[in-house]
C-alpha cells in the first residue's frame, strides 16, 4: 500500500513538472478576432462579419535596436478567430499583432488604426492567465454596402440627410 501511494505521488509530481515545463517553453497564447466592416465606420455593426482565413502576424521588437526578436504568423479559423502560441518571455519588447492579408477580395482594405494591437508578452504582467486577448482587428470594403445608413440611424449616429458614401 505504501509503495502504491509513493508511486502515485511520484507520478503526480512528474505530471505537474511536465505541465510546468510546457508553460516554461510556451508561456501563453495570444487570441483575437478579425472582422469585415462593410459600412466603413471603423467599428463593428450588425452588418459586420468575421473573416475566416485572414492572416495575422505577431512581432516583438527590441525598443532600442528596433530588431525583431520574435515573430509568428497565424490564420483565422472558420469563426474569424486566431490563436498564436508565444514562446519565451518578451517583457523588454514591444509586441503587436498585425493584419497581413484578407482572403476576401471584397473586404481587404485594412482599417486605419484597427489593423494592429499591442500585446503584453510577458509572464510577469500581473495577468493571471495563459491567454492574452487582442482587440478585434478589421478590414473594410472599398464601398459601404446597402443598409449601412439604416444601421447607423438605429444607433443614432447618422444625420437624416446623410447621403451615405463613406
N, C-alpha and C. Protein backbone atom coordinates (compact mmCIF):
# COMPACT_ATOMS: atom_id res chain seq x y z
N UNK A 1 0.83 -1.19 0.00
CA UNK A 1 0.00 0.00 0.00
C UNK A 1 0.87 1.25 0.00
N UNK A 2 1.90 1.25 0.83
CA UNK A 2 2.79 2.41 0.91
C UNK A 2 3.51 2.62 -0.41
N UNK A 3 3.90 1.50 -1.05
CA UNK A 3 4.57 1.61 -2.34
C UNK A 3 3.63 2.18 -3.40
N UNK A 4 2.37 1.78 -3.35
CA UNK A 4 1.38 2.29 -4.31
C UNK A 4 1.18 3.79 -4.12
N UNK A 5 1.09 4.25 -2.87
CA UNK A 5 0.92 5.68 -2.59
C UNK A 5 2.16 6.44 -3.05
N UNK A 6 3.34 5.89 -2.81
CA UNK A 6 4.58 6.54 -3.24
C UNK A 6 4.64 6.61 -4.76
N UNK A 7 4.24 5.55 -5.43
CA UNK A 7 4.25 5.53 -6.89
C UNK A 7 3.27 6.56 -7.46
N UNK A 8 2.08 6.63 -6.90
CA UNK A 8 1.08 7.61 -7.35
C UNK A 8 1.60 9.02 -7.09
N UNK A 9 2.22 9.25 -5.95
CA UNK A 9 2.78 10.57 -5.63
C UNK A 9 3.86 10.97 -6.62
N UNK A 10 4.73 10.05 -6.95
CA UNK A 10 5.80 10.33 -7.92
C UNK A 10 5.20 10.65 -9.28
N UNK A 11 4.20 9.89 -9.70
CA UNK A 11 3.55 10.14 -10.99
C UNK A 11 2.88 11.52 -11.02
N UNK A 12 2.24 11.89 -9.92
CA UNK A 12 1.61 13.22 -9.84
C UNK A 12 2.66 14.33 -9.93
N UNK A 13 3.77 14.15 -9.23
CA UNK A 13 4.84 15.15 -9.27
C UNK A 13 5.41 15.26 -10.67
N UNK A 14 5.62 14.13 -11.33
CA UNK A 14 6.12 14.16 -12.71
C UNK A 14 5.13 14.83 -13.65
N UNK A 15 3.85 14.57 -13.47
CA UNK A 15 2.83 15.20 -14.32
C UNK A 15 2.82 16.71 -14.12
N UNK A 16 2.91 17.16 -12.87
CA UNK A 16 2.95 18.60 -12.59
C UNK A 16 4.21 19.23 -13.15
N UNK A 17 5.33 18.54 -13.05
CA UNK A 17 6.58 19.06 -13.60
C UNK A 17 6.49 19.17 -15.12
N UNK A 18 5.82 18.21 -15.72
CA UNK A 18 5.63 18.24 -17.18
C UNK A 18 4.79 19.44 -17.59
N UNK A 19 3.71 19.71 -16.87
CA UNK A 19 2.86 20.87 -17.16
C UNK A 19 3.64 22.15 -16.95
N UNK A 20 4.39 22.25 -15.88
CA UNK A 20 5.20 23.44 -15.62
C UNK A 20 6.25 23.63 -16.71
N UNK A 21 6.84 22.54 -17.17
CA UNK A 21 7.84 22.61 -18.24
C UNK A 21 7.20 23.12 -19.53
N UNK A 22 5.98 22.66 -19.85
CA UNK A 22 5.28 23.12 -21.05
C UNK A 22 5.03 24.62 -20.97
N UNK A 23 4.60 25.10 -19.82
CA UNK A 23 4.34 26.53 -19.68
C UNK A 23 5.62 27.35 -19.71
N UNK A 24 6.74 26.76 -19.29
CA UNK A 24 8.00 27.49 -19.36
C UNK A 24 8.45 27.66 -20.81
N UNK A 25 8.15 26.67 -21.65
CA UNK A 25 8.52 26.77 -23.06
C UNK A 25 7.53 27.61 -23.84
N UNK A 26 6.27 27.46 -23.55
CA UNK A 26 5.21 28.13 -24.26
C UNK A 26 4.40 28.89 -23.21
N UNK A 27 4.79 30.13 -22.95
CA UNK A 27 4.21 30.85 -21.84
C UNK A 27 2.73 31.11 -21.97
N UNK A 28 2.26 31.48 -23.15
CA UNK A 28 0.86 31.85 -23.28
C UNK A 28 0.45 31.90 -24.75
N UNK A 29 -0.84 32.07 -24.94
CA UNK A 29 -1.40 32.23 -26.28
C UNK A 29 -1.93 33.65 -26.43
N UNK A 30 -1.85 34.16 -27.63
CA UNK A 30 -2.48 35.44 -27.98
C UNK A 30 -3.66 35.09 -28.87
N UNK A 31 -4.85 35.57 -28.50
CA UNK A 31 -6.06 35.25 -29.24
C UNK A 31 -6.80 36.52 -29.62
N UNK A 32 -7.53 36.45 -30.72
CA UNK A 32 -8.33 37.58 -31.15
C UNK A 32 -9.19 37.23 -32.34
N UNK A 33 -9.91 38.22 -32.84
CA UNK A 33 -10.82 38.04 -33.97
C UNK A 33 -10.50 39.04 -35.06
N UNK A 34 -10.85 38.66 -36.29
CA UNK A 34 -10.71 39.53 -37.45
C UNK A 34 -12.09 39.64 -38.09
N UNK A 35 -12.51 40.87 -38.38
CA UNK A 35 -13.83 41.06 -38.95
C UNK A 35 -13.79 42.01 -40.14
N UNK A 36 -14.90 42.03 -40.89
CA UNK A 36 -15.07 42.92 -42.02
C UNK A 36 -16.07 44.01 -41.63
N UNK A 37 -15.73 45.24 -41.92
CA UNK A 37 -16.60 46.40 -41.69
C UNK A 37 -17.17 46.84 -43.04
N UNK A 38 -18.36 46.39 -43.40
CA UNK A 38 -18.92 46.74 -44.71
C UNK A 38 -19.52 48.14 -44.75
N UNK A 39 -19.57 48.82 -43.61
CA UNK A 39 -20.10 50.18 -43.57
C UNK A 39 -19.00 51.24 -43.51
N UNK A 40 -17.76 50.80 -43.36
CA UNK A 40 -16.60 51.71 -43.34
C UNK A 40 -16.70 52.75 -42.21
N UNK A 41 -17.18 52.30 -41.04
CA UNK A 41 -17.33 53.21 -39.90
C UNK A 41 -16.29 52.97 -38.81
N UNK A 42 -15.40 52.00 -39.01
CA UNK A 42 -14.30 51.69 -38.10
C UNK A 42 -14.74 51.11 -36.76
N UNK A 43 -15.91 50.47 -36.75
CA UNK A 43 -16.33 49.69 -35.58
C UNK A 43 -17.33 48.64 -36.07
N UNK A 44 -17.53 47.62 -35.24
CA UNK A 44 -18.43 46.54 -35.63
C UNK A 44 -19.88 46.98 -35.53
N UNK A 45 -20.66 46.63 -36.52
CA UNK A 45 -22.10 46.85 -36.53
C UNK A 45 -22.77 45.49 -36.76
N UNK A 46 -24.09 45.50 -36.82
CA UNK A 46 -24.77 44.22 -37.06
C UNK A 46 -24.56 43.72 -38.49
N UNK A 47 -24.04 44.56 -39.36
CA UNK A 47 -23.72 44.13 -40.72
C UNK A 47 -22.29 43.60 -40.85
N UNK A 48 -21.48 43.79 -39.82
CA UNK A 48 -20.10 43.28 -39.83
C UNK A 48 -20.12 41.76 -39.74
N UNK A 49 -19.04 41.14 -40.22
CA UNK A 49 -18.95 39.69 -40.13
C UNK A 49 -17.48 39.30 -39.95
N UNK A 50 -17.29 38.15 -39.31
CA UNK A 50 -15.93 37.63 -39.07
C UNK A 50 -15.36 37.09 -40.38
N UNK A 51 -14.04 37.18 -40.51
CA UNK A 51 -13.37 36.72 -41.73
C UNK A 51 -12.56 35.46 -41.44
N UNK A 52 -12.96 34.37 -42.07
CA UNK A 52 -12.21 33.11 -41.98
C UNK A 52 -11.04 33.17 -42.96
N UNK A 53 -9.90 32.65 -42.54
CA UNK A 53 -8.74 32.57 -43.43
C UNK A 53 -7.90 33.84 -43.51
N UNK A 54 -8.17 34.82 -42.64
CA UNK A 54 -7.35 36.04 -42.61
C UNK A 54 -6.01 35.72 -41.94
N UNK A 55 -4.95 36.34 -42.43
CA UNK A 55 -3.62 36.11 -41.88
C UNK A 55 -3.24 37.25 -40.94
N UNK A 56 -2.73 36.88 -39.78
CA UNK A 56 -2.24 37.85 -38.79
C UNK A 56 -0.81 37.47 -38.40
N UNK A 57 -0.07 38.47 -37.94
CA UNK A 57 1.31 38.24 -37.52
C UNK A 57 1.55 38.92 -36.18
N UNK A 58 2.21 38.21 -35.29
CA UNK A 58 2.66 38.80 -34.02
C UNK A 58 4.15 39.01 -34.14
N UNK A 59 4.59 40.25 -33.88
CA UNK A 59 6.02 40.56 -33.87
C UNK A 59 6.37 41.31 -32.60
N UNK A 60 7.52 40.98 -32.07
CA UNK A 60 8.07 41.68 -30.91
C UNK A 60 9.36 42.36 -31.36
N UNK A 61 9.50 43.63 -30.99
CA UNK A 61 10.67 44.42 -31.37
C UNK A 61 11.44 44.85 -30.14
N UNK A 62 12.75 44.87 -30.28
CA UNK A 62 13.60 45.46 -29.26
C UNK A 62 13.43 46.98 -29.37
N UNK A 63 13.01 47.67 -28.30
CA UNK A 63 12.74 49.11 -28.41
C UNK A 63 13.99 49.96 -28.66
N UNK A 64 15.16 49.43 -28.38
CA UNK A 64 16.39 50.20 -28.57
C UNK A 64 16.93 50.01 -29.99
N UNK A 65 17.00 48.76 -30.43
CA UNK A 65 17.59 48.48 -31.75
C UNK A 65 16.55 48.38 -32.87
N UNK A 66 15.29 48.24 -32.52
CA UNK A 66 14.18 48.02 -33.48
C UNK A 66 14.30 46.70 -34.21
N UNK A 67 15.15 45.80 -33.74
CA UNK A 67 15.27 44.47 -34.33
C UNK A 67 14.09 43.61 -33.89
N UNK A 68 13.61 42.76 -34.80
CA UNK A 68 12.55 41.83 -34.46
C UNK A 68 13.15 40.71 -33.62
N UNK A 69 12.60 40.50 -32.44
CA UNK A 69 13.10 39.47 -31.54
C UNK A 69 12.24 38.22 -31.55
N UNK A 70 11.00 38.35 -32.00
CA UNK A 70 10.10 37.20 -32.07
C UNK A 70 9.05 37.47 -33.13
N UNK A 71 8.70 36.45 -33.90
CA UNK A 71 7.68 36.60 -34.93
C UNK A 71 6.96 35.28 -35.13
N UNK A 72 5.65 35.35 -35.24
CA UNK A 72 4.84 34.17 -35.51
C UNK A 72 3.63 34.63 -36.32
N UNK A 73 3.21 33.78 -37.25
CA UNK A 73 2.08 34.12 -38.10
C UNK A 73 1.00 33.06 -37.91
N UNK A 74 -0.25 33.46 -38.11
CA UNK A 74 -1.36 32.52 -38.00
C UNK A 74 -2.50 32.93 -38.90
N UNK A 75 -3.49 32.05 -38.98
CA UNK A 75 -4.65 32.25 -39.83
C UNK A 75 -5.91 32.06 -38.99
N UNK A 76 -6.93 32.88 -39.27
CA UNK A 76 -8.18 32.76 -38.53
C UNK A 76 -8.93 31.49 -38.94
N UNK A 77 -9.68 30.96 -37.98
CA UNK A 77 -10.47 29.77 -38.25
C UNK A 77 -11.80 30.15 -38.90
N UNK A 78 -12.72 29.22 -38.99
CA UNK A 78 -14.00 29.47 -39.67
C UNK A 78 -14.85 30.52 -38.95
N UNK A 79 -14.53 30.83 -37.71
CA UNK A 79 -15.24 31.85 -36.94
C UNK A 79 -14.49 33.18 -36.91
N UNK A 80 -13.43 33.31 -37.70
CA UNK A 80 -12.66 34.54 -37.72
C UNK A 80 -11.78 34.72 -36.50
N UNK A 81 -11.50 33.64 -35.78
CA UNK A 81 -10.73 33.69 -34.54
C UNK A 81 -9.33 33.10 -34.78
N UNK A 82 -8.32 33.75 -34.21
CA UNK A 82 -6.96 33.22 -34.31
C UNK A 82 -6.40 32.97 -32.92
N UNK A 83 -5.41 32.08 -32.88
CA UNK A 83 -4.71 31.73 -31.64
C UNK A 83 -3.25 31.52 -32.00
N UNK A 84 -2.39 32.35 -31.41
CA UNK A 84 -0.94 32.27 -31.67
C UNK A 84 -0.24 31.85 -30.39
N UNK A 85 0.54 30.80 -30.44
CA UNK A 85 1.28 30.34 -29.27
C UNK A 85 2.61 31.08 -29.19
N UNK A 86 2.82 31.77 -28.08
CA UNK A 86 4.03 32.58 -27.88
C UNK A 86 5.00 31.81 -27.00
N UNK A 87 6.22 31.70 -27.48
CA UNK A 87 7.27 31.02 -26.72
C UNK A 87 8.26 32.06 -26.21
N UNK A 88 8.68 31.88 -24.99
CA UNK A 88 9.64 32.80 -24.39
C UNK A 88 8.97 34.00 -23.75
N UNK A 89 9.74 34.72 -22.98
CA UNK A 89 9.25 35.92 -22.30
C UNK A 89 9.78 37.14 -23.04
N UNK A 90 8.89 38.05 -23.40
CA UNK A 90 9.25 39.22 -24.19
C UNK A 90 8.95 40.51 -23.43
N UNK A 91 9.30 40.51 -22.16
CA UNK A 91 8.99 41.63 -21.28
C UNK A 91 9.66 42.93 -21.73
N UNK A 92 10.83 42.84 -22.30
CA UNK A 92 11.57 44.04 -22.70
C UNK A 92 11.31 44.44 -24.15
N UNK A 93 10.31 43.84 -24.76
CA UNK A 93 10.00 44.11 -26.15
C UNK A 93 8.65 44.81 -26.31
N UNK A 94 8.48 45.40 -27.47
CA UNK A 94 7.18 45.94 -27.86
C UNK A 94 6.59 44.94 -28.83
N UNK A 95 5.47 44.33 -28.45
CA UNK A 95 4.86 43.29 -29.27
C UNK A 95 3.50 43.76 -29.77
N UNK A 96 3.20 43.40 -31.02
CA UNK A 96 1.89 43.73 -31.56
C UNK A 96 1.45 42.71 -32.59
N UNK A 97 0.13 42.55 -32.67
CA UNK A 97 -0.50 41.71 -33.67
C UNK A 97 -0.90 42.62 -34.82
N UNK A 98 -0.64 42.18 -36.05
CA UNK A 98 -0.93 42.99 -37.23
C UNK A 98 -1.65 42.14 -38.27
N UNK A 99 -2.66 42.73 -38.92
CA UNK A 99 -3.30 42.08 -40.06
C UNK A 99 -2.33 42.05 -41.21
N UNK A 100 -2.23 40.94 -41.90
CA UNK A 100 -1.35 40.91 -43.07
C UNK A 100 -2.10 40.62 -44.36
N UNK A 101 -3.19 39.84 -44.29
CA UNK A 101 -3.89 39.51 -45.54
C UNK A 101 -5.32 39.08 -45.28
N UNK A 102 -6.21 39.55 -46.15
CA UNK A 102 -7.59 39.08 -46.13
C UNK A 102 -7.81 38.16 -47.31
N UNK A 103 -8.49 37.04 -47.11
CA UNK A 103 -8.79 36.15 -48.23
C UNK A 103 -9.98 36.65 -49.05
N UNK A 104 -10.64 37.67 -48.53
CA UNK A 104 -11.85 38.20 -49.14
C UNK A 104 -11.51 39.44 -49.96
N UNK A 105 -11.49 39.34 -51.28
CA UNK A 105 -11.14 40.46 -52.15
C UNK A 105 -12.10 41.64 -51.97
N UNK A 106 -13.35 41.36 -51.61
CA UNK A 106 -14.34 42.43 -51.40
C UNK A 106 -14.14 43.16 -50.08
N UNK A 107 -13.36 42.57 -49.19
CA UNK A 107 -13.12 43.19 -47.87
C UNK A 107 -11.65 43.00 -47.53
N UNK A 108 -10.81 43.83 -48.14
CA UNK A 108 -9.37 43.61 -47.98
C UNK A 108 -8.60 44.88 -47.61
N UNK A 109 -9.30 45.98 -47.39
CA UNK A 109 -8.64 47.23 -47.03
C UNK A 109 -8.49 47.30 -45.50
N UNK A 110 -7.25 47.25 -44.98
CA UNK A 110 -7.09 47.32 -43.52
C UNK A 110 -7.65 48.63 -42.97
N UNK A 111 -8.32 48.54 -41.83
CA UNK A 111 -8.87 49.74 -41.19
C UNK A 111 -7.76 50.50 -40.49
N UNK A 112 -7.56 51.73 -40.88
CA UNK A 112 -6.51 52.54 -40.28
C UNK A 112 -6.76 52.67 -38.78
N UNK A 113 -5.76 52.29 -38.01
CA UNK A 113 -5.87 52.32 -36.56
C UNK A 113 -6.39 51.04 -35.95
N UNK A 114 -7.01 50.19 -36.76
CA UNK A 114 -7.55 48.93 -36.26
C UNK A 114 -6.92 47.73 -36.97
N UNK A 115 -5.75 47.95 -37.57
CA UNK A 115 -5.05 46.86 -38.23
C UNK A 115 -3.95 46.28 -37.34
N UNK A 116 -3.69 46.90 -36.20
CA UNK A 116 -2.70 46.39 -35.24
C UNK A 116 -3.22 46.56 -33.82
N UNK A 117 -2.66 45.77 -32.92
CA UNK A 117 -2.96 45.91 -31.49
C UNK A 117 -1.74 45.48 -30.70
N UNK A 118 -1.32 46.32 -29.76
CA UNK A 118 -0.18 45.97 -28.90
C UNK A 118 -0.62 44.95 -27.87
N UNK A 119 0.31 44.04 -27.57
CA UNK A 119 0.04 42.94 -26.65
C UNK A 119 1.18 42.85 -25.64
N UNK A 120 0.84 42.60 -24.39
CA UNK A 120 1.84 42.37 -23.35
C UNK A 120 2.26 40.92 -23.44
N UNK A 121 3.52 40.68 -23.77
CA UNK A 121 4.01 39.31 -23.97
C UNK A 121 5.04 38.94 -22.92
N UNK A 122 4.60 38.98 -21.68
CA UNK A 122 5.44 38.57 -20.58
C UNK A 122 4.61 37.83 -19.55
N UNK A 123 5.25 36.93 -18.86
CA UNK A 123 4.57 36.19 -17.80
C UNK A 123 4.36 37.08 -16.57
N UNK A 124 5.23 38.07 -16.39
CA UNK A 124 5.20 38.91 -15.20
C UNK A 124 4.43 40.21 -15.42
N UNK A 125 3.24 40.09 -16.01
CA UNK A 125 2.45 41.28 -16.33
C UNK A 125 1.37 41.57 -15.31
N UNK A 126 1.17 40.66 -14.37
CA UNK A 126 0.07 40.80 -13.43
C UNK A 126 -1.20 40.15 -13.94
N UNK A 127 -1.15 39.63 -15.17
CA UNK A 127 -2.30 38.93 -15.75
C UNK A 127 -2.17 37.47 -15.35
N UNK A 128 -3.17 36.96 -14.67
CA UNK A 128 -3.11 35.60 -14.15
C UNK A 128 -3.81 34.63 -15.10
N UNK A 129 -3.33 34.59 -16.32
CA UNK A 129 -3.89 33.72 -17.34
C UNK A 129 -2.81 33.40 -18.35
N UNK A 130 -2.95 32.27 -19.00
CA UNK A 130 -2.02 31.90 -20.05
C UNK A 130 -2.53 32.34 -21.42
N UNK A 131 -3.54 33.23 -21.42
CA UNK A 131 -4.10 33.76 -22.66
C UNK A 131 -4.06 35.28 -22.60
N UNK A 132 -3.62 35.89 -23.69
CA UNK A 132 -3.67 37.35 -23.86
C UNK A 132 -4.65 37.61 -24.99
N UNK A 133 -5.61 38.49 -24.75
CA UNK A 133 -6.64 38.78 -25.75
C UNK A 133 -6.35 40.10 -26.44
N UNK A 134 -6.30 40.04 -27.76
CA UNK A 134 -6.12 41.25 -28.56
C UNK A 134 -7.49 41.83 -28.90
N UNK A 135 -7.52 43.14 -29.11
CA UNK A 135 -8.74 43.78 -29.59
C UNK A 135 -9.05 43.26 -30.99
N UNK A 136 -10.33 43.29 -31.39
CA UNK A 136 -10.66 42.85 -32.75
C UNK A 136 -9.93 43.71 -33.79
N UNK A 137 -9.46 43.06 -34.83
CA UNK A 137 -8.78 43.72 -35.94
C UNK A 137 -9.69 43.65 -37.15
N UNK A 138 -9.62 44.68 -38.00
CA UNK A 138 -10.57 44.67 -39.10
C UNK A 138 -10.10 45.16 -40.45
N UNK A 139 -10.75 44.59 -41.45
CA UNK A 139 -10.66 45.04 -42.83
C UNK A 139 -11.99 45.72 -43.15
N UNK A 140 -12.01 46.51 -44.22
CA UNK A 140 -13.27 47.08 -44.65
C UNK A 140 -13.41 46.98 -46.16
N UNK A 141 -14.65 47.10 -46.60
CA UNK A 141 -14.94 47.05 -48.03
C UNK A 141 -14.52 48.36 -48.68
N UNK A 142 -14.38 48.34 -49.99
CA UNK A 142 -13.99 49.56 -50.72
C UNK A 142 -15.11 50.59 -50.71
N UNK A 143 -16.35 50.13 -50.73
CA UNK A 143 -17.54 50.98 -50.68
C UNK A 143 -18.46 50.44 -49.58
N UNK A 144 -19.21 51.33 -48.96
CA UNK A 144 -20.17 50.86 -47.97
C UNK A 144 -21.31 50.14 -48.69
N UNK A 145 -21.90 49.17 -48.02
CA UNK A 145 -22.96 48.38 -48.63
C UNK A 145 -24.32 48.98 -48.31
N UNK A 146 -25.32 48.49 -48.99
CA UNK A 146 -26.69 48.92 -48.75
C UNK A 146 -27.10 48.51 -47.33
N UNK A 147 -27.80 49.38 -46.66
CA UNK A 147 -28.28 49.09 -45.31
C UNK A 147 -27.47 49.76 -44.22
N UNK A 148 -26.32 50.33 -44.56
CA UNK A 148 -25.47 50.95 -43.54
C UNK A 148 -26.11 52.21 -42.95
N UNK A 149 -26.75 53.02 -43.79
CA UNK A 149 -27.38 54.25 -43.29
C UNK A 149 -28.45 53.90 -42.27
N UNK A 150 -29.22 52.85 -42.53
CA UNK A 150 -30.28 52.44 -41.61
C UNK A 150 -29.69 51.95 -40.28
N UNK A 151 -28.60 51.18 -40.38
CA UNK A 151 -27.95 50.69 -39.15
C UNK A 151 -27.43 51.86 -38.32
N UNK A 152 -26.81 52.83 -38.96
CA UNK A 152 -26.29 53.98 -38.23
C UNK A 152 -27.41 54.85 -37.69
N UNK A 153 -28.54 54.94 -38.42
CA UNK A 153 -29.71 55.66 -37.91
C UNK A 153 -30.23 54.99 -36.64
N UNK A 154 -30.29 53.67 -36.64
CA UNK A 154 -30.73 52.91 -35.46
C UNK A 154 -29.85 53.22 -34.25
N UNK A 155 -28.56 53.42 -34.52
CA UNK A 155 -27.62 53.72 -33.43
C UNK A 155 -27.61 55.21 -33.07
N UNK A 156 -28.34 56.01 -33.83
CA UNK A 156 -28.36 57.45 -33.58
C UNK A 156 -27.08 58.13 -34.03
N UNK A 157 -26.41 57.55 -35.02
CA UNK A 157 -25.11 58.07 -35.44
C UNK A 157 -25.10 58.71 -36.82
N UNK A 158 -26.21 58.65 -37.55
CA UNK A 158 -26.22 59.20 -38.90
C UNK A 158 -27.25 60.32 -38.99
N UNK A 159 -26.85 61.50 -39.47
CA UNK A 159 -27.84 62.56 -39.69
C UNK A 159 -28.86 62.11 -40.73
N UNK A 160 -30.09 62.57 -40.62
CA UNK A 160 -31.17 62.17 -41.52
C UNK A 160 -30.86 62.49 -42.98
N UNK A 161 -30.15 63.58 -43.23
CA UNK A 161 -29.90 63.98 -44.60
C UNK A 161 -28.59 63.42 -45.17
N UNK A 162 -28.00 62.46 -44.48
CA UNK A 162 -26.72 61.89 -44.92
C UNK A 162 -26.89 61.12 -46.23
N UNK A 163 -26.12 61.50 -47.21
CA UNK A 163 -26.03 60.71 -48.44
C UNK A 163 -24.89 59.75 -48.19
N UNK A 164 -25.16 58.52 -47.82
CA UNK A 164 -24.17 57.60 -47.27
C UNK A 164 -23.16 57.18 -48.32
N UNK A 165 -21.97 57.74 -48.29
CA UNK A 165 -20.88 57.41 -49.21
C UNK A 165 -19.55 57.40 -48.48
N UNK A 166 -19.46 56.81 -47.31
CA UNK A 166 -18.21 56.79 -46.55
C UNK A 166 -17.14 56.04 -47.28
